[in-house]
Amino acid sequence: MFHERLKKLRENENISREHLANSLGITYSALSKYETGKREPGLELLQKIANYFDVTTDYLLGVTDNSKPADYKLAGISDEDYNNLSAYQKEVIDFFLTRENLFFKNQPDNLLDALEQFEVYYEVWKKQQENKK
């Protein structure tokens, strides 16, 4: 997953391998191996790549499909509350916070208050996406 996302990000930005390698302080050969999946970067380089493309390391690693971090505080969720959620609940919250075209009538002050209803909607949406394939 990492190698696919790295290559896609570079190509989407129309950046040459040589330019990206120089920007990251690595060799062309090393970058080539990262993009083909023959090598994995260390944590420091992973963070450097995420910063370069302004994406999260979770996105690079395939943990999430959301490349930008969600702003939980604007949704009324504290760091502590978010950290106490299950992985599935985080996935649901992330889904809602990263949808620019999703609006709510009478949006709750705190998304956690509506999490149960959101989970139902999220499951319906996922099934619709599967049926499109």
Protein backbone atom coordinates (compact mmCIF):
# COMPACT_ATOMS: atom_id res chain seq x y z
CA MET A 1 0.00 0.00 0.00
CA PHE A 2 2.75 2.50 0.95
CA HIS A 3 4.60 2.14 -2.34
CA GLU A 4 1.40 2.69 -4.34
CA ARG A 5 0.45 5.80 -2.41
CA LEU A 6 3.94 7.28 -2.58
CA LYS A 7 4.11 6.83 -6.33
CA LYS A 8 0.59 8.20 -6.82
CA LEU A 9 1.31 11.29 -4.71
CA ARG A 10 4.51 11.98 -6.63
CA GLU A 11 2.86 11.51 -10.00
CA ASN A 12 -0.19 13.59 -9.04
CA GLU A 13 2.14 16.46 -8.14
CA ASN A 14 4.06 15.90 -11.39
CA ILE A 15 7.34 15.58 -9.48
CA SER A 16 10.23 13.61 -10.88
CA ARG A 17 11.82 10.85 -8.84
CA GLU A 18 15.08 12.74 -8.93
CA HIS A 19 13.51 15.92 -7.54
CA LEU A 20 11.65 14.08 -4.76
CA ALA A 21 14.72 12.05 -3.80
CA ASN A 22 16.79 15.24 -3.55
CA SER A 23 14.06 16.97 -1.52
CA LEU A 24 13.91 14.07 0.92
CA GLY A 25 17.69 13.70 1.14
CA ILE A 26 17.74 10.16 -0.22
CA THR A 27 19.11 8.57 -3.38
CA TYR A 28 17.15 8.07 -6.57
CA SER A 29 17.72 4.35 -6.17
CA ALA A 30 16.27 4.32 -2.64
CA LEU A 31 13.16 6.21 -3.78
CA SER A 32 12.75 3.80 -6.67
CA LYS A 33 12.84 0.87 -4.24
CA TYR A 34 10.23 2.56 -2.01
CA GLU A 35 7.93 3.11 -5.00
CA THR A 36 8.24 -0.48 -6.20
CA GLY A 37 7.74 -1.97 -2.75
CA LYS A 38 11.21 -3.47 -2.54
CA ARG A 39 12.01 -1.37 0.53
CA GLU A 40 10.11 0.34 3.35
CA PRO A 41 11.16 3.68 4.87
CA GLY A 42 12.02 4.15 8.50
CA LEU A 43 9.81 6.26 10.76
CA GLU A 44 11.81 9.44 10.29
CA LEU A 45 11.66 9.24 6.50
CA LEU A 46 7.99 8.24 6.59
CA GLN A 47 7.22 11.43 8.55
CA LYS A 48 9.36 13.46 6.15
CA ILE A 49 7.38 12.11 3.18
CA ALA A 50 4.08 12.83 4.94
CA ASN A 51 5.19 16.39 5.65
CA TYR A 52 6.41 16.87 2.09
CA PHE A 53 3.04 15.89 0.60
CA ASP A 54 1.01 17.33 3.50
CA VAL A 55 -0.69 14.01 4.24
CA THR A 56 -0.86 11.81 7.31
CA THR A 57 1.41 8.84 7.92
CA ASP A 58 -1.77 6.77 8.40
CA TYR A 59 -2.72 7.62 4.83
CA LEU A 60 0.72 6.63 3.52
CA LEU A 61 0.54 3.32 5.38
CA GLY A 62 -2.98 2.54 4.20
CA VAL A 63 -4.54 2.78 7.65
CA THR A 64 -7.00 5.35 6.29
CA ASP A 65 -8.06 6.61 2.89
CA ASN A 66 -8.26 10.15 4.24
CA SER A 67 -5.07 11.95 3.35
CA LYS A 68 -5.71 15.00 5.53
CA PRO A 69 -6.07 14.83 9.30
CA ALA A 70 -9.56 15.59 10.55
CA ASP A 71 -10.06 18.49 12.93
CA TYR A 72 -11.73 16.79 15.87
CA LYS A 73 -11.77 19.86 18.08
CA LEU A 74 -14.04 21.70 15.63
CA ALA A 75 -16.43 18.76 15.91
CA GLY A 76 -16.51 19.04 19.69
CA ILE A 77 -14.33 15.99 20.31
CA SER A 78 -11.43 16.23 22.74
CA ASP A 79 -8.23 14.29 22.20
CA GLU A 80 -9.09 12.16 25.22
CA ASP A 81 -12.58 11.35 23.89
CA TYR A 82 -11.20 10.50 20.47
CA ASN A 83 -8.47 8.27 21.91
CA ASN A 84 -11.10 6.37 23.92
CA LEU A 85 -13.09 5.45 20.80
CA SER A 86 -12.83 2.03 19.22
CA ALA A 87 -11.05 1.74 15.88
CA TYR A 88 -14.43 1.39 14.16
CA GLN A 89 -15.82 4.50 15.88
CA LYS A 90 -12.72 6.46 14.80
CA GLU A 91 -13.28 5.26 11.25
CA VAL A 92 -16.89 6.51 11.36
CA ILE A 93 -15.92 9.89 12.83
CA ASP A 94 -13.10 10.28 10.30
CA PHE A 95 -15.54 9.48 7.48
CA PHE A 96 -17.92 12.23 8.52
CA LEU A 97 -15.28 14.83 9.24
CA THR A 98 -13.56 14.42 5.87
CA ARG A 99 -16.66 14.68 3.67
CA GLU A 100 -16.85 18.18 2.23
CA ASN A 101 -20.19 17.50 0.58
CA LEU A 102 -21.91 16.11 3.66
CA PHE A 103 -24.11 18.50 5.61
CA PHE A 104 -26.40 17.92 8.56
CA LYS A 105 -29.63 19.58 9.45
CA ASN A 106 -29.42 20.55 13.13
CA GLN A 107 -25.85 19.22 13.40
CA PRO A 108 -25.09 18.24 16.98
CA ASP A 109 -22.59 20.33 18.93
CA ASN A 110 -20.59 17.18 19.57
CA LEU A 111 -20.40 14.43 16.95
CA LEU A 112 -20.02 11.86 19.70
CA ASP A 113 -23.63 12.58 20.68
CA ALA A 114 -24.76 11.34 17.27
CA LEU A 115 -22.20 8.57 16.79
CA GLU A 116 -24.73 5.74 16.97
CA GLN A 117 -26.87 7.27 14.21
CA PHE A 118 -23.74 7.99 12.17
CA GLU A 119 -22.68 4.36 12.43
CA VAL A 120 -25.99 3.28 10.87
CA TYR A 121 -25.60 5.78 8.03
CA TYR A 122 -21.96 4.76 7.53
CA GLU A 123 -22.89 1.07 7.18
CA VAL A 124 -25.55 1.93 4.60
CA TRP A 125 -23.04 4.04 2.68
CA LYS A 126 -20.43 1.25 2.72
CA LYS A 127 -22.97 -1.25 1.36
CA GLN A 128 -23.89 1.17 -1.42
CA GLN A 129 -20.22 1.53 -2.34
CA GLU A 130 -19.79 -2.26 -2.42
CA ASN A 131 -22.86 -2.63 -4.66
CA LYS A 132 -21.39 -0.13 -7.14
CA LYS A 133 -18.36 -2.38 -7.69
